[in-house]
Amino acid sequence: YRQSDLTLVDHIDFAEPNPKGLCCLSSGTESIVLACPGSQKGHVLVITYDPSGGGPAGIKPSRLQTTIVVAHESPVSAMSLRYDGSMLATASDKGTIIRVYSVETTTQLFEFRRGIDKAEIYSMTFHITGKWLAVSSNHGTIHVYSLQGTAGSEDRSA
């Protein structure tokens, strides 16, 4: 909604249930990226908006790109966007695998194993430089993963 007169500026329908109300928004000034669960289990809908406002009469934001990230086989239970909207981190409801994707290309950049036992992921956050990702769970642990170097599947938690 537009704050000045509460005019609806965009609307996203959820085909799959979203009981946790998952949604994240980039906070950088170069782009506006919104991510939320997609229409199929394990998918994430990623929408990039024109940061200048765009759209008809400046009322409706202009969508620059709408993509689907096929993140997991089971439902997504946690997600986080890097502040500039360039990377998306996801975890499934199993909580054992953390994946990081390029928002622009939807390519998987990293995959990390959080553990072998099922866990509920409480929080995921990128360091402002994008070099680290912190993940907390109901196991009382915080895993910090390095996003530096070559993307791959090896576990580089600190």
N, C-alpha and C. Protein backbone atom coordinates (compact mmCIF):
# COMPACT_ATOMS: atom_id res chain seq x y z
N TYR A 1 0.83 -1.19 0.00
CA TYR A 1 0.00 0.00 0.00
C TYR A 1 0.87 1.26 0.00
N ARG A 2 0.40 2.28 -0.67
CA ARG A 2 1.07 3.56 -0.64
C ARG A 2 0.67 4.23 0.68
N GLN A 3 1.66 4.72 1.41
CA GLN A 3 1.43 5.26 2.74
C GLN A 3 0.54 6.50 2.74
N SER A 4 0.67 7.34 1.74
CA SER A 4 -0.06 8.62 1.75
C SER A 4 -1.57 8.47 1.66
N ASP A 5 -2.06 7.45 0.88
CA ASP A 5 -3.51 7.32 0.73
C ASP A 5 -4.00 5.87 0.78
N LEU A 6 -3.11 4.96 1.17
CA LEU A 6 -3.42 3.53 1.29
C LEU A 6 -3.91 2.89 0.00
N THR A 7 -3.44 3.41 -1.14
CA THR A 7 -3.74 2.80 -2.43
C THR A 7 -2.92 1.52 -2.57
N LEU A 8 -3.57 0.44 -2.97
CA LEU A 8 -2.89 -0.83 -3.18
C LEU A 8 -1.91 -0.68 -4.34
N VAL A 9 -0.63 -1.01 -4.12
CA VAL A 9 0.37 -0.87 -5.18
C VAL A 9 0.81 -2.21 -5.76
N ASP A 10 0.67 -3.28 -5.00
CA ASP A 10 0.99 -4.61 -5.53
C ASP A 10 0.35 -5.65 -4.62
N HIS A 11 0.09 -6.82 -5.20
CA HIS A 11 -0.58 -7.89 -4.47
C HIS A 11 0.02 -9.22 -4.92
N ILE A 12 0.30 -10.10 -3.98
CA ILE A 12 0.85 -11.41 -4.29
C ILE A 12 -0.05 -12.46 -3.66
N ASP A 13 -0.55 -13.38 -4.47
CA ASP A 13 -1.38 -14.48 -3.97
C ASP A 13 -0.49 -15.67 -3.64
N PHE A 14 -0.81 -16.35 -2.55
CA PHE A 14 -0.09 -17.56 -2.15
C PHE A 14 -0.94 -18.78 -2.48
N ALA A 15 -0.47 -19.63 -3.39
CA ALA A 15 -1.17 -20.87 -3.72
C ALA A 15 -0.90 -21.91 -2.64
N GLU A 16 0.31 -21.94 -2.13
CA GLU A 16 0.69 -22.85 -1.05
C GLU A 16 0.49 -22.13 0.28
N PRO A 17 0.14 -22.85 1.32
CA PRO A 17 0.01 -22.21 2.64
C PRO A 17 1.33 -21.58 3.08
N ASN A 18 1.24 -20.48 3.79
CA ASN A 18 2.42 -19.79 4.31
C ASN A 18 2.18 -19.54 5.81
N PRO A 19 2.15 -20.64 6.61
CA PRO A 19 1.77 -20.51 8.02
C PRO A 19 2.73 -19.65 8.85
N LYS A 20 3.98 -19.55 8.44
CA LYS A 20 4.94 -18.73 9.18
C LYS A 20 4.95 -17.28 8.69
N GLY A 21 4.21 -16.99 7.64
CA GLY A 21 4.20 -15.64 7.08
C GLY A 21 5.55 -15.26 6.51
N LEU A 22 6.25 -16.22 5.90
CA LEU A 22 7.59 -15.96 5.38
C LEU A 22 7.56 -14.90 4.28
N CYS A 23 8.46 -13.95 4.41
CA CYS A 23 8.62 -12.89 3.43
C CYS A 23 9.90 -12.14 3.78
N CYS A 24 10.67 -11.75 2.80
CA CYS A 24 11.83 -10.90 3.09
C CYS A 24 11.98 -9.87 1.98
N LEU A 25 12.55 -8.75 2.36
CA LEU A 25 12.70 -7.60 1.46
C LEU A 25 14.12 -7.07 1.60
N SER A 26 14.77 -6.81 0.46
CA SER A 26 16.11 -6.23 0.51
C SER A 26 16.03 -4.81 1.04
N SER A 27 17.12 -4.35 1.63
CA SER A 27 17.12 -3.00 2.21
C SER A 27 18.10 -2.06 1.54
N GLY A 28 18.73 -2.51 0.46
CA GLY A 28 19.67 -1.66 -0.26
C GLY A 28 18.95 -0.62 -1.11
N THR A 29 19.68 0.34 -1.61
CA THR A 29 19.08 1.40 -2.42
C THR A 29 19.19 1.13 -3.92
N GLU A 30 20.03 0.20 -4.32
CA GLU A 30 20.23 -0.07 -5.74
C GLU A 30 19.12 -0.90 -6.36
N SER A 31 18.46 -1.73 -5.55
CA SER A 31 17.37 -2.54 -6.06
C SER A 31 16.41 -2.86 -4.93
N ILE A 32 15.19 -3.18 -5.29
CA ILE A 32 14.18 -3.60 -4.33
C ILE A 32 13.82 -5.03 -4.70
N VAL A 33 14.11 -5.97 -3.80
CA VAL A 33 13.83 -7.37 -4.06
C VAL A 33 12.95 -7.91 -2.94
N LEU A 34 11.89 -8.61 -3.33
CA LEU A 34 10.97 -9.24 -2.41
C LEU A 34 11.01 -10.73 -2.65
N ALA A 35 11.07 -11.54 -1.59
CA ALA A 35 11.03 -12.99 -1.72
C ALA A 35 9.99 -13.55 -0.77
N CYS A 36 9.23 -14.54 -1.25
CA CYS A 36 8.22 -15.20 -0.44
C CYS A 36 8.01 -16.60 -1.01
N PRO A 37 7.34 -17.48 -0.26
CA PRO A 37 7.13 -18.83 -0.79
C PRO A 37 6.41 -18.79 -2.14
N GLY A 38 6.81 -19.68 -3.02
CA GLY A 38 6.21 -19.74 -4.35
C GLY A 38 4.93 -20.56 -4.35
N SER A 39 4.42 -20.81 -5.54
CA SER A 39 3.14 -21.51 -5.68
C SER A 39 3.27 -23.02 -5.54
N GLN A 40 4.50 -23.53 -5.48
CA GLN A 40 4.72 -24.96 -5.28
C GLN A 40 5.63 -25.17 -4.09
N LYS A 41 5.46 -26.32 -3.44
CA LYS A 41 6.26 -26.68 -2.27
C LYS A 41 7.75 -26.60 -2.60
N GLY A 42 8.53 -25.92 -1.75
CA GLY A 42 9.97 -25.82 -1.94
C GLY A 42 10.43 -24.73 -2.87
N HIS A 43 9.48 -24.00 -3.47
CA HIS A 43 9.82 -22.93 -4.40
C HIS A 43 9.75 -21.57 -3.70
N VAL A 44 10.54 -20.62 -4.20
CA VAL A 44 10.53 -19.25 -3.69
C VAL A 44 10.26 -18.31 -4.86
N LEU A 45 9.28 -17.43 -4.67
CA LEU A 45 8.96 -16.39 -5.64
C LEU A 45 9.84 -15.19 -5.34
N VAL A 46 10.58 -14.71 -6.34
CA VAL A 46 11.47 -13.56 -6.16
C VAL A 46 11.07 -12.48 -7.16
N ILE A 47 10.73 -11.30 -6.64
CA ILE A 47 10.30 -10.19 -7.49
C ILE A 47 11.27 -9.03 -7.30
N THR A 48 11.81 -8.53 -8.41
CA THR A 48 12.68 -7.36 -8.39
C THR A 48 11.89 -6.19 -8.95
N TYR A 49 11.86 -5.10 -8.17
CA TYR A 49 11.12 -3.90 -8.55
C TYR A 49 12.06 -2.79 -8.97
N ASP A 50 11.54 -1.87 -9.77
CA ASP A 50 12.26 -0.68 -10.19
C ASP A 50 12.40 0.24 -8.97
N PRO A 51 13.63 0.53 -8.51
CA PRO A 51 13.79 1.36 -7.32
C PRO A 51 13.33 2.80 -7.51
N SER A 52 13.14 3.25 -8.77
CA SER A 52 12.71 4.62 -8.99
C SER A 52 11.19 4.78 -8.84
N GLY A 53 10.50 3.69 -8.61
CA GLY A 53 9.05 3.76 -8.46
C GLY A 53 8.33 3.28 -9.70
N GLY A 54 8.68 3.85 -10.85
CA GLY A 54 8.12 3.41 -12.13
C GLY A 54 6.62 3.26 -12.10
N GLY A 55 6.10 2.47 -12.99
CA GLY A 55 4.68 2.16 -13.02
C GLY A 55 3.83 3.34 -13.46
N PRO A 56 2.54 3.09 -13.70
CA PRO A 56 1.64 4.15 -14.15
C PRO A 56 1.44 5.22 -13.10
N ALA A 57 1.67 6.45 -13.48
CA ALA A 57 1.48 7.63 -12.62
C ALA A 57 2.22 7.51 -11.30
N GLY A 58 3.28 6.71 -11.27
CA GLY A 58 4.06 6.55 -10.05
C GLY A 58 3.32 5.84 -8.93
N ILE A 59 2.15 5.28 -9.24
CA ILE A 59 1.34 4.62 -8.21
C ILE A 59 1.78 3.18 -8.02
N LYS A 60 1.88 2.44 -9.09
CA LYS A 60 2.21 1.03 -9.00
C LYS A 60 3.68 0.82 -9.31
N PRO A 61 4.40 0.12 -8.43
CA PRO A 61 5.82 -0.13 -8.73
C PRO A 61 5.95 -1.01 -9.96
N SER A 62 6.99 -0.80 -10.69
CA SER A 62 7.22 -1.54 -11.90
C SER A 62 8.05 -2.78 -11.58
N ARG A 63 7.52 -3.96 -11.90
CA ARG A 63 8.26 -5.20 -11.71
C ARG A 63 9.28 -5.33 -12.84
N LEU A 64 10.55 -5.44 -12.46
CA LEU A 64 11.60 -5.61 -13.46
C LEU A 64 11.80 -7.07 -13.80
N GLN A 65 11.67 -7.94 -12.79
CA GLN A 65 11.92 -9.36 -13.00
C GLN A 65 11.13 -10.14 -11.96
N THR A 66 10.48 -11.20 -12.41
CA THR A 66 9.79 -12.12 -11.51
C THR A 66 10.31 -13.51 -11.83
N THR A 67 10.89 -14.17 -10.84
CA THR A 67 11.47 -15.49 -11.07
C THR A 67 11.06 -16.44 -9.95
N ILE A 68 11.24 -17.71 -10.22
CA ILE A 68 11.00 -18.76 -9.24
C ILE A 68 12.32 -19.48 -8.99
N VAL A 69 12.68 -19.60 -7.72
CA VAL A 69 13.86 -20.37 -7.33
C VAL A 69 13.36 -21.72 -6.81
N VAL A 70 13.79 -22.80 -7.46
CA VAL A 70 13.45 -24.14 -6.99
C VAL A 70 14.48 -24.49 -5.93
N ALA A 71 14.12 -24.23 -4.68
CA ALA A 71 15.08 -24.26 -3.59
C ALA A 71 15.21 -25.62 -2.90
N HIS A 72 14.09 -26.27 -2.62
CA HIS A 72 14.10 -27.52 -1.85
C HIS A 72 12.97 -28.42 -2.31
N GLU A 73 13.05 -29.71 -1.96
CA GLU A 73 11.98 -30.66 -2.25
C GLU A 73 10.85 -30.54 -1.23
N SER A 74 11.18 -30.16 -0.01
CA SER A 74 10.17 -29.99 1.03
C SER A 74 9.91 -28.49 1.22
N PRO A 75 8.87 -28.12 1.98
CA PRO A 75 8.53 -26.71 2.12
C PRO A 75 9.68 -25.86 2.67
N VAL A 76 9.77 -24.63 2.20
CA VAL A 76 10.77 -23.67 2.69
C VAL A 76 10.29 -23.18 4.05
N SER A 77 11.18 -23.21 5.05
CA SER A 77 10.79 -22.79 6.40
C SER A 77 11.51 -21.52 6.86
N ALA A 78 12.55 -21.12 6.13
CA ALA A 78 13.27 -19.89 6.47
C ALA A 78 13.95 -19.37 5.22
N MET A 79 14.06 -18.04 5.15
CA MET A 79 14.75 -17.43 4.02
C MET A 79 15.28 -16.07 4.43
N SER A 80 16.29 -15.62 3.70
CA SER A 80 16.87 -14.30 3.97
C SER A 80 17.45 -13.76 2.67
N LEU A 81 17.32 -12.46 2.48
CA LEU A 81 17.94 -11.78 1.34
C LEU A 81 19.12 -10.97 1.83
N ARG A 82 20.18 -10.96 1.04
CA ARG A 82 21.28 -10.05 1.32
C ARG A 82 20.75 -8.62 1.19
N TYR A 83 21.31 -7.68 1.94
CA TYR A 83 20.77 -6.31 1.98
C TYR A 83 20.57 -5.69 0.60
N ASP A 84 21.46 -6.03 -0.36
CA ASP A 84 21.36 -5.44 -1.69
C ASP A 84 20.49 -6.26 -2.64
N GLY A 85 19.93 -7.36 -2.13
CA GLY A 85 19.05 -8.19 -2.94
C GLY A 85 19.74 -9.11 -3.92
N SER A 86 21.05 -9.26 -3.82
CA SER A 86 21.79 -10.07 -4.80
C SER A 86 21.81 -11.56 -4.48
N MET A 87 21.61 -11.92 -3.20
CA MET A 87 21.65 -13.33 -2.81
C MET A 87 20.45 -13.67 -1.94
N LEU A 88 19.98 -14.91 -2.07
CA LEU A 88 18.88 -15.45 -1.29
C LEU A 88 19.35 -16.72 -0.61
N ALA A 89 19.16 -16.81 0.71
CA ALA A 89 19.47 -18.02 1.47
C ALA A 89 18.16 -18.68 1.85
N THR A 90 18.11 -20.02 1.78
CA THR A 90 16.90 -20.76 2.11
C THR A 90 17.22 -21.97 2.96
N ALA A 91 16.22 -22.40 3.73
CA ALA A 91 16.29 -23.65 4.48
C ALA A 91 14.92 -24.32 4.35
N SER A 92 14.91 -25.64 4.27
CA SER A 92 13.64 -26.36 4.19
C SER A 92 13.15 -26.67 5.60
N ASP A 93 11.98 -27.28 5.69
CA ASP A 93 11.45 -27.61 7.00
C ASP A 93 12.24 -28.73 7.68
N LYS A 94 13.13 -29.39 6.95
CA LYS A 94 14.01 -30.39 7.57
C LYS A 94 15.14 -29.70 8.33
N GLY A 95 15.58 -28.54 7.85
CA GLY A 95 16.59 -27.75 8.54
C GLY A 95 18.00 -28.32 8.50
N THR A 96 18.26 -29.25 7.60
CA THR A 96 19.60 -29.84 7.53
C THR A 96 20.47 -29.23 6.44
N ILE A 97 19.85 -28.66 5.42
CA ILE A 97 20.59 -28.08 4.30
C ILE A 97 20.24 -26.60 4.16
N ILE A 98 21.27 -25.78 4.02
CA ILE A 98 21.12 -24.34 3.76
C ILE A 98 21.63 -24.10 2.35
N ARG A 99 20.84 -23.41 1.54
CA ARG A 99 21.27 -23.12 0.18
C ARG A 99 21.27 -21.62 -0.06
N VAL A 100 22.23 -21.17 -0.87
CA VAL A 100 22.35 -19.75 -1.22
C VAL A 100 22.31 -19.64 -2.74
N TYR A 101 21.45 -18.73 -3.23
CA TYR A 101 21.23 -18.56 -4.66
C TYR A 101 21.54 -17.14 -5.10
N SER A 102 21.93 -17.01 -6.37
CA SER A 102 22.01 -15.70 -7.02
C SER A 102 20.58 -15.30 -7.37
N VAL A 103 20.15 -14.12 -6.95
CA VAL A 103 18.80 -13.66 -7.27
C VAL A 103 18.68 -13.36 -8.76
N GLU A 104 19.71 -12.80 -9.35
CA GLU A 104 19.66 -12.42 -10.76
C GLU A 104 19.51 -13.62 -11.69
N THR A 105 20.26 -14.70 -11.41
CA THR A 105 20.27 -15.86 -12.32
C THR A 105 19.54 -17.08 -11.77
N THR A 106 19.18 -17.07 -10.50
CA THR A 106 18.59 -18.19 -9.74
C THR A 106 19.54 -19.39 -9.63
N THR A 107 20.81 -19.18 -9.93
CA THR A 107 21.81 -20.24 -9.83
C THR A 107 22.16 -20.48 -8.36
N GLN A 108 22.27 -21.77 -8.00
CA GLN A 108 22.70 -22.09 -6.65
C GLN A 108 24.19 -21.80 -6.52
N LEU A 109 24.55 -20.96 -5.55
CA LEU A 109 25.94 -20.58 -5.33
C LEU A 109 26.62 -21.45 -4.28
N PHE A 110 25.89 -21.77 -3.21
CA PHE A 110 26.44 -22.54 -2.10
C PHE A 110 25.40 -23.49 -1.54
N GLU A 111 25.87 -24.58 -0.98
CA GLU A 111 25.04 -25.50 -0.22
C GLU A 111 25.82 -25.91 1.01
N PHE A 112 25.19 -25.76 2.18
CA PHE A 112 25.85 -26.08 3.45
C PHE A 112 25.02 -27.07 4.23
N ARG A 113 25.68 -27.99 4.90
CA ARG A 113 25.00 -28.91 5.80
C ARG A 113 25.03 -28.31 7.20
N ARG A 114 23.83 -28.13 7.78
CA ARG A 114 23.73 -27.60 9.13
C ARG A 114 23.88 -28.72 10.16
N GLY A 115 23.50 -29.91 9.79
CA GLY A 115 23.60 -31.06 10.68
C GLY A 115 22.87 -32.23 10.05
N ILE A 116 22.80 -33.35 10.78
CA ILE A 116 22.10 -34.52 10.23
C ILE A 116 20.73 -34.71 10.87
N ASP A 117 20.51 -34.10 12.03
CA ASP A 117 19.22 -34.20 12.70
C ASP A 117 18.31 -33.06 12.28
N LYS A 118 17.03 -33.36 12.15
CA LYS A 118 16.04 -32.34 11.80
C LYS A 118 16.11 -31.19 12.79
N ALA A 119 15.98 -29.97 12.28
CA ALA A 119 16.02 -28.77 13.14
C ALA A 119 15.08 -27.72 12.58
N GLU A 120 14.56 -26.90 13.47
CA GLU A 120 13.76 -25.76 13.05
C GLU A 120 14.68 -24.55 12.97
N ILE A 121 14.80 -23.98 11.79
CA ILE A 121 15.65 -22.80 11.60
C ILE A 121 14.88 -21.59 12.08
N TYR A 122 15.47 -20.87 13.04
CA TYR A 122 14.83 -19.68 13.60
C TYR A 122 15.19 -18.41 12.84
N SER A 123 16.45 -18.29 12.43
CA SER A 123 16.91 -17.04 11.83
C SER A 123 18.04 -17.31 10.86
N MET A 124 18.07 -16.52 9.78
CA MET A 124 19.16 -16.54 8.81
C MET A 124 19.45 -15.09 8.46
N THR A 125 20.73 -14.72 8.49
CA THR A 125 21.06 -13.34 8.13
C THR A 125 22.43 -13.26 7.49
N PHE A 126 22.53 -12.42 6.47
CA PHE A 126 23.79 -12.17 5.79
C PHE A 126 24.53 -11.04 6.49
N HIS A 127 25.86 -11.14 6.53
CA HIS A 127 26.68 -10.00 6.92
C HIS A 127 26.54 -8.98 5.80
N ILE A 128 26.67 -7.71 6.12
CA ILE A 128 26.47 -6.65 5.13
C ILE A 128 27.40 -6.78 3.92
N THR A 129 28.58 -7.36 4.10
CA THR A 129 29.50 -7.54 2.97
C THR A 129 29.12 -8.73 2.10
N GLY A 130 28.23 -9.60 2.60
CA GLY A 130 27.86 -10.79 1.85
C GLY A 130 28.87 -11.90 1.96
N LYS A 131 29.86 -11.76 2.84
CA LYS A 131 30.90 -12.79 2.98
C LYS A 131 30.56 -13.86 4.00
N TRP A 132 29.51 -13.64 4.80
CA TRP A 132 29.15 -14.58 5.86
C TRP A 132 27.63 -14.71 5.93
N LEU A 133 27.18 -15.90 6.34
CA LEU A 133 25.77 -16.15 6.58
C LEU A 133 25.65 -16.83 7.93
N ALA A 134 24.84 -16.27 8.83
CA ALA A 134 24.61 -16.85 10.16
C ALA A 134 23.23 -17.50 10.18
N VAL A 135 23.17 -18.70 10.77
CA VAL A 135 21.93 -19.47 10.83
C VAL A 135 21.76 -20.01 12.24
N SER A 136 20.60 -19.72 12.87
CA SER A 136 20.33 -20.26 14.20
C SER A 136 19.17 -21.24 14.13
N SER A 137 19.16 -22.19 15.10
CA SER A 137 18.13 -23.22 15.10
C SER A 137 17.68 -23.54 16.52
N ASN A 138 16.69 -24.43 16.60
CA ASN A 138 16.18 -24.86 17.90
C ASN A 138 17.14 -25.80 18.62
N HIS A 139 18.27 -26.12 18.02
CA HIS A 139 19.27 -26.97 18.67
C HIS A 139 20.20 -26.15 19.57
N GLY A 140 19.94 -24.85 19.68
CA GLY A 140 20.77 -24.00 20.52
C GLY A 140 22.11 -23.66 19.90
N THR A 141 22.18 -23.77 18.58
CA THR A 141 23.45 -23.50 17.89
C THR A 141 23.27 -22.36 16.90
N ILE A 142 24.38 -21.71 16.61
CA ILE A 142 24.44 -20.73 15.53
C ILE A 142 25.59 -21.17 14.64
N HIS A 143 25.28 -21.41 13.39
CA HIS A 143 26.30 -21.77 12.40
C HIS A 143 26.61 -20.53 11.58
N VAL A 144 27.89 -20.24 11.40
CA VAL A 144 28.31 -19.12 10.56
C VAL A 144 29.06 -19.71 9.37
N TYR A 145 28.54 -19.47 8.18
CA TYR A 145 29.11 -20.03 6.96
C TYR A 145 29.83 -18.96 6.17
N SER A 146 30.98 -19.33 5.63
CA SER A 146 31.75 -18.44 4.78
C SER A 146 31.21 -18.49 3.36
N LEU A 147 30.97 -17.34 2.78
CA LEU A 147 30.51 -17.24 1.39
C LEU A 147 31.63 -16.71 0.51
N GLN A 148 32.85 -16.86 0.98
CA GLN A 148 34.01 -16.39 0.23
C GLN A 148 34.59 -17.54 -0.58
N GLY A 149 35.21 -17.21 -1.68
CA GLY A 149 35.85 -18.23 -2.50
C GLY A 149 34.88 -18.86 -3.48
N THR A 150 35.24 -20.02 -3.96
CA THR A 150 34.46 -20.70 -4.99
C THR A 150 33.22 -21.32 -4.40
N ALA A 151 32.11 -21.13 -5.07
CA ALA A 151 30.86 -21.75 -4.65
C ALA A 151 31.00 -23.25 -4.77
N GLY A 152 30.39 -23.96 -3.86
CA GLY A 152 30.45 -25.41 -3.88
C GLY A 152 29.62 -25.99 -2.76
N SER A 153 29.83 -27.25 -2.47
CA SER A 153 28.99 -27.93 -1.49
C SER A 153 29.72 -28.26 -0.20
N GLU A 154 30.98 -27.90 -0.09
CA GLU A 154 31.70 -28.23 1.14
C GLU A 154 31.23 -27.36 2.29
N ASP A 155 31.21 -27.92 3.49
CA ASP A 155 30.74 -27.21 4.68
C ASP A 155 31.89 -26.33 5.19
N ARG A 156 31.68 -25.01 5.18
CA ARG A 156 32.69 -24.07 5.63
C ARG A 156 32.16 -23.27 6.81
N SER A 157 31.54 -23.97 7.76
CA SER A 157 30.99 -23.27 8.92
C SER A 157 32.10 -22.96 9.90
N ALA A 158 31.92 -21.84 10.61
CA ALA A 158 32.91 -21.42 11.61
C ALA A 158 32.41 -21.73 12.99
